[in-house]
Amino acid sequence: MAIIKKTVVRGQQPTEKQIKEIREAMKRPIVFDDDSPELTPEQYAEMAEIARRRRSGQKKPVVALRINPSTLEKAKATGKGYTGFLSRLLDNAINDPELVRRSLM
């Protein structure tokens, strides 16, 4: 069996051929070996705890915010993920002392 490498660009949708390959791969059995042994229940539990801690440290609070309708439309025009865009925009703005000073006036 050959190893197939694919590069996927963020946001890129898989092709029909790739979907077919994925579905075929799902039908194959998992084969464990020295390079990729089966995990023990303890290892799974440890990985789950690590993932839980990482997720808890990355949660962003949800905030209700009144925003100008035209500003919201401009943000939505940037496409899917506009709320993340707005979050990064606000992060950048709040760290710019001159922009903060002008906005407080």
Protein backbone atom coordinates (compact mmCIF):
# COMPACT_ATOMS: atom_id res chain seq x y z
CA MET A 1 0.00 0.00 0.00
CA ALA A 2 1.44 3.37 -1.02
CA ILE A 3 1.42 6.47 1.16
CA ILE A 4 -0.51 9.27 -0.51
CA LYS A 5 0.25 12.84 0.50
CA LYS A 6 -2.24 15.65 -0.15
CA THR A 7 -2.01 19.34 0.63
CA VAL A 8 -5.27 20.89 1.74
CA VAL A 9 -5.65 24.63 1.81
CA ARG A 10 -7.69 26.05 4.69
CA GLY A 11 -11.27 26.54 3.61
CA GLN A 12 -10.81 24.38 0.52
CA GLN A 13 -13.60 21.89 -0.08
CA PRO A 14 -12.61 18.31 -0.97
CA THR A 15 -13.19 17.16 -4.53
CA GLU A 16 -15.56 14.31 -5.35
CA LYS A 17 -12.50 12.11 -5.98
CA GLN A 18 -11.09 12.96 -2.54
CA ILE A 19 -14.43 12.25 -0.87
CA LYS A 20 -14.51 8.87 -2.61
CA GLU A 21 -10.94 8.11 -1.43
CA ILE A 22 -11.89 9.03 2.14
CA ARG A 23 -14.95 6.80 2.07
CA GLU A 24 -12.87 3.91 0.72
CA ALA A 25 -10.21 4.44 3.41
CA MET A 26 -12.93 4.34 6.09
CA LYS A 27 -13.77 0.79 5.01
CA ARG A 28 -10.21 -0.47 5.56
CA PRO A 29 -9.24 -1.96 8.92
CA ILE A 30 -6.90 -0.10 11.25
CA VAL A 31 -3.49 -1.78 11.30
CA PHE A 32 -1.36 -1.17 14.37
CA ASP A 33 2.42 -1.65 14.25
CA ASP A 34 5.59 -0.61 16.11
CA ASP A 35 5.39 2.92 14.69
CA SER A 36 1.73 3.35 15.59
CA PRO A 37 0.71 1.00 18.39
CA GLU A 38 -2.81 0.81 19.75
CA LEU A 39 -3.33 3.21 22.64
CA THR A 40 -4.20 1.96 26.10
CA PRO A 41 -7.27 3.27 27.95
CA GLU A 42 -4.89 5.18 30.25
CA GLN A 43 -3.26 6.89 27.25
CA TYR A 44 -6.67 7.86 25.87
CA ALA A 45 -7.65 9.29 29.26
CA GLU A 46 -4.40 11.26 29.48
CA MET A 47 -4.88 12.67 25.97
CA ALA A 48 -8.49 13.60 26.77
CA GLU A 49 -7.35 15.47 29.90
CA ILE A 50 -4.67 17.34 27.95
CA ALA A 51 -7.24 18.29 25.28
CA ARG A 52 -9.73 19.43 27.94
CA ARG A 53 -7.11 21.68 29.59
CA ARG A 54 -6.09 23.16 26.23
CA ARG A 55 -9.70 23.88 25.26
CA SER A 56 -10.51 25.50 28.60
CA GLY A 57 -7.58 27.88 28.17
CA GLN A 58 -8.66 28.88 24.67
CA LYS A 59 -12.32 29.69 25.30
CA LYS A 60 -13.29 33.22 24.47
CA PRO A 61 -16.17 34.80 26.35
CA VAL A 62 -19.34 35.55 24.41
CA VAL A 63 -20.19 39.26 24.46
CA ALA A 64 -23.33 41.01 23.22
CA LEU A 65 -22.36 44.16 21.36
CA ARG A 66 -24.36 46.85 19.59
CA ILE A 67 -22.81 47.58 16.24
CA ASN A 68 -23.67 49.98 13.44
CA PRO A 69 -25.65 48.08 10.74
CA SER A 70 -23.41 49.34 7.95
CA THR A 71 -20.33 48.21 9.85
CA LEU A 72 -21.86 44.76 10.33
CA GLU A 73 -22.68 44.52 6.62
CA LYS A 74 -19.09 45.42 5.72
CA ALA A 75 -17.82 42.73 8.10
CA LYS A 76 -20.24 40.15 6.68
CA ALA A 77 -19.07 41.06 3.18
CA THR A 78 -15.63 39.67 4.10
CA GLY A 79 -17.23 36.20 4.00
CA LYS A 80 -17.52 33.19 6.23
CA GLY A 81 -15.76 33.67 9.54
CA TYR A 82 -16.54 37.36 9.81
CA THR A 83 -16.96 37.11 13.60
CA GLY A 84 -13.38 35.89 13.92
CA PHE A 85 -12.34 38.74 11.65
CA LEU A 86 -14.15 41.21 13.92
CA SER A 87 -12.47 39.70 16.98
CA ARG A 88 -9.00 40.05 15.44
CA LEU A 89 -9.82 43.58 14.25
CA LEU A 90 -10.86 44.56 17.78
CA ASP A 91 -7.70 42.93 19.22
CA ASN A 92 -5.54 44.97 16.85
CA ALA A 93 -7.47 48.19 17.48
CA ILE A 94 -7.38 47.96 21.28
CA ASN A 95 -3.59 47.49 21.14
CA ASP A 96 -3.12 50.66 19.05
CA PRO A 97 -2.91 53.56 21.57
CA GLU A 98 -3.51 56.23 18.91
CA LEU A 99 -6.63 54.47 17.61
CA VAL A 100 -7.92 54.02 21.18
CA ARG A 101 -7.33 57.73 21.89
CA ARG A 102 -9.18 58.81 18.69
CA SER A 103 -12.06 56.41 19.39
CA LEU A 104 -12.61 57.74 22.91
CA MET A 105 -13.28 61.23 21.61
